[in-house]
């Protein structure tokens, strides 16, 4: 079981997800580590668009987290033959793990 768990960890840390939101790009691994943030739209760098830039970063990060959670759940099923949603159900289905429904 340890080898499977280690394989899962390796797969998650090496799986990169790219999320984009209105000129902002965030690369995040399936184990939720942010690898890169890019501002592709230079006009967002002006002081008068600061709040828009901040909101776009937040939205891109949330998208990345959601995608990473989905990928992590799928990889868990593939490698450990275990559905993480089952654990959430065993924990009462309320508040279990973030992103699990």
C-alpha atoms as a PDB file:
ATOM      1  CA  UNK A   1       0.000   0.000   0.000  1.00  0.00           C
ATOM      2  CA  UNK A   2       2.882   2.387   0.757  1.00  0.00           C
ATOM      3  CA  UNK A   3       4.172   2.027  -2.816  1.00  0.00           C
ATOM      4  CA  UNK A   4       0.747   2.884  -4.223  1.00  0.00           C
ATOM      5  CA  UNK A   5       0.486   5.889  -1.932  1.00  0.00           C
ATOM      6  CA  UNK A   6       3.975   7.024  -2.981  1.00  0.00           C
ATOM      7  CA  UNK A   7       3.018   6.547  -6.661  1.00  0.00           C
ATOM      8  CA  UNK A   8      -0.064   8.696  -6.063  1.00  0.00           C
ATOM      9  CA  UNK A   9       2.010  11.428  -4.381  1.00  0.00           C
ATOM     10  CA  UNK A  10       4.487  11.426  -7.271  1.00  0.00           C
ATOM     11  CA  UNK A  11       1.708  11.551  -9.868  1.00  0.00           C
ATOM     12  CA  UNK A  12      -0.041  14.441  -8.107  1.00  0.00           C
ATOM     13  CA  UNK A  13       3.135  16.481  -7.673  1.00  0.00           C
ATOM     14  CA  UNK A  14       4.045  15.984 -11.343  1.00  0.00           C
ATOM     15  CA  UNK A  15       0.607  16.762 -12.775  1.00  0.00           C
ATOM     16  CA  UNK A  16       0.381  20.416 -13.766  1.00  0.00           C
ATOM     17  CA  UNK A  17      -2.932  22.192 -14.218  1.00  0.00           C
ATOM     18  CA  UNK A  18      -3.175  25.547 -15.981  1.00  0.00           C
ATOM     19  CA  UNK A  19      -6.008  27.918 -15.086  1.00  0.00           C
ATOM     20  CA  UNK A  20      -6.695  31.159 -16.964  1.00  0.00           C
ATOM     21  CA  UNK A  21      -8.847  34.123 -16.080  1.00  0.00           C
ATOM     22  CA  UNK A  22      -8.946  37.319 -18.151  1.00  0.00           C
ATOM     23  CA  UNK A  23      -5.215  37.740 -18.722  1.00  0.00           C
ATOM     24  CA  UNK A  24      -4.009  35.869 -15.615  1.00  0.00           C
ATOM     25  CA  UNK A  25      -2.523  32.361 -15.816  1.00  0.00           C
ATOM     26  CA  UNK A  26      -1.817  30.161 -12.802  1.00  0.00           C
ATOM     27  CA  UNK A  27      -0.038  26.802 -12.957  1.00  0.00           C
ATOM     28  CA  UNK A  28      -0.842  24.547  -9.997  1.00  0.00           C
ATOM     29  CA  UNK A  29      -0.010  20.910  -9.351  1.00  0.00           C
ATOM     30  CA  UNK A  30      -2.650  18.320  -8.525  1.00  0.00           C
ATOM     31  CA  UNK A  31      -1.332  18.359  -4.951  1.00  0.00           C
ATOM     32  CA  UNK A  32      -2.204  22.084  -4.728  1.00  0.00           C
ATOM     33  CA  UNK A  33       1.253  23.627  -5.049  1.00  0.00           C
ATOM     34  CA  UNK A  34       1.316  26.868  -7.068  1.00  0.00           C
ATOM     35  CA  UNK A  35       4.170  26.632  -9.560  1.00  0.00           C
ATOM     36  CA  UNK A  36       3.753  29.822 -11.572  1.00  0.00           C
ATOM     37  CA  UNK A  37       1.658  32.965 -11.913  1.00  0.00           C
ATOM     38  CA  UNK A  38       1.735  35.027 -15.093  1.00  0.00           C
ATOM     39  CA  UNK A  39       0.049  38.273 -16.062  1.00  0.00           C
ATOM     40  CA  UNK A  40      -0.429  37.993 -19.827  1.00  0.00           C
ATOM     41  CA  UNK A  41      -2.411  41.230 -20.161  1.00  0.00           C
ATOM     42  CA  UNK A  42       0.013  44.067 -19.369  1.00  0.00           C
ATOM     43  CA  UNK A  43      -2.844  46.554 -19.167  1.00  0.00           C
ATOM     44  CA  UNK A  44      -3.849  44.890 -15.879  1.00  0.00           C
ATOM     45  CA  UNK A  45      -0.634  46.244 -14.363  1.00  0.00           C
ATOM     46  CA  UNK A  46      -1.894  49.815 -14.235  1.00  0.00           C
ATOM     47  CA  UNK A  47      -2.769  51.209 -10.808  1.00  0.00           C
ATOM     48  CA  UNK A  48      -6.365  51.937 -11.793  1.00  0.00           C
ATOM     49  CA  UNK A  49      -6.920  48.237 -12.651  1.00  0.00           C
ATOM     50  CA  UNK A  50      -5.371  46.880  -9.436  1.00  0.00           C
ATOM     51  CA  UNK A  51      -8.638  45.517  -8.019  1.00  0.00           C
ATOM     52  CA  UNK A  52      -9.464  43.857 -11.362  1.00  0.00           C
ATOM     53  CA  UNK A  53      -6.055  42.169 -11.399  1.00  0.00           C
ATOM     54  CA  UNK A  54      -6.509  40.967  -7.820  1.00  0.00           C
ATOM     55  CA  UNK A  55      -9.953  39.560  -8.645  1.00  0.00           C
ATOM     56  CA  UNK A  56      -8.636  37.798 -11.765  1.00  0.00           C
ATOM     57  CA  UNK A  57      -5.805  36.221  -9.754  1.00  0.00           C
ATOM     58  CA  UNK A  58      -8.300  35.009  -7.168  1.00  0.00           C
ATOM     59  CA  UNK A  59     -10.647  33.572  -9.838  1.00  0.00           C
ATOM     60  CA  UNK A  60      -7.782  31.844 -11.684  1.00  0.00           C
ATOM     61  CA  UNK A  61      -6.533  30.341  -8.428  1.00  0.00           C
ATOM     62  CA  UNK A  62     -10.003  29.041  -7.524  1.00  0.00           C
ATOM     63  CA  UNK A  63     -10.353  27.497 -11.008  1.00  0.00           C
ATOM     64  CA  UNK A  64      -6.950  25.861 -10.607  1.00  0.00           C
ATOM     65  CA  UNK A  65      -7.871  24.491  -7.181  1.00  0.00           C
ATOM     66  CA  UNK A  66     -11.123  23.035  -8.495  1.00  0.00           C
ATOM     67  CA  UNK A  67      -9.397  21.374 -11.441  1.00  0.00           C
ATOM     68  CA  UNK A  68      -6.607  20.088  -9.181  1.00  0.00           C
ATOM     69  CA  UNK A  69      -9.162  18.584  -6.795  1.00  0.00           C
ATOM     70  CA  UNK A  70     -10.895  16.802  -9.676  1.00  0.00           C
ATOM     71  CA  UNK A  71      -7.591  15.457 -11.018  1.00  0.00           C
ATOM     72  CA  UNK A  72      -6.477  14.355  -7.536  1.00  0.00           C
ATOM     73  CA  UNK A  73      -9.725  12.477  -7.007  1.00  0.00           C
ATOM     74  CA  UNK A  74      -9.406  10.739 -10.375  1.00  0.00           C
ATOM     75  CA  UNK A  75      -5.753   9.800  -9.779  1.00  0.00           C
ATOM     76  CA  UNK A  76      -6.675   8.474  -6.328  1.00  0.00           C
ATOM     77  CA  UNK A  77      -9.319   6.229  -7.879  1.00  0.00           C
ATOM     78  CA  UNK A  78      -6.885   5.038 -10.580  1.00  0.00           C
ATOM     79  CA  UNK A  79      -3.912   4.320  -8.313  1.00  0.00           C
ATOM     80  CA  UNK A  80      -5.402   3.390  -4.923  1.00  0.00           C
ATOM     81  CA  UNK A  81      -8.703   1.995  -6.260  1.00  0.00           C
ATOM     82  CA  UNK A  82     -10.441   4.115  -3.673  1.00  0.00           C
ATOM     83  CA  UNK A  83     -13.104   6.764  -4.266  1.00  0.00           C
ATOM     84  CA  UNK A  84     -12.360   9.792  -2.041  1.00  0.00           C
ATOM     85  CA  UNK A  85     -16.071  10.612  -2.115  1.00  0.00           C
ATOM     86  CA  UNK A  86     -16.710   7.450  -0.103  1.00  0.00           C
ATOM     87  CA  UNK A  87     -14.572   8.838   2.713  1.00  0.00           C
ATOM     88  CA  UNK A  88     -16.582  12.061   2.698  1.00  0.00           C
ATOM     89  CA  UNK A  89     -19.729   9.969   3.022  1.00  0.00           C
ATOM     90  CA  UNK A  90     -18.248   8.040   5.927  1.00  0.00           C
ATOM     91  CA  UNK A  91     -17.459  11.349   7.626  1.00  0.00           C
ATOM     92  CA  UNK A  92     -21.100  12.313   7.442  1.00  0.00           C
ATOM     93  CA  UNK A  93     -20.980  14.068   4.080  1.00  0.00           C
ATOM     94  CA  UNK A  94     -20.916  17.395   5.854  1.00  0.00           C
ATOM     95  CA  UNK A  95     -17.735  19.391   5.829  1.00  0.00           C
ATOM     96  CA  UNK A  96     -15.525  16.349   4.972  1.00  0.00           C
ATOM     97  CA  UNK A  97     -12.804  17.439   2.584  1.00  0.00           C
ATOM     98  CA  UNK A  98     -12.780  20.632   0.520  1.00  0.00           C
ATOM     99  CA  UNK A  99     -14.022  20.032  -2.993  1.00  0.00           C
ATOM    100  CA  UNK A 100     -15.579  16.634  -2.202  1.00  0.00           C
ATOM    101  CA  UNK A 101     -19.320  16.418  -2.709  1.00  0.00           C
END
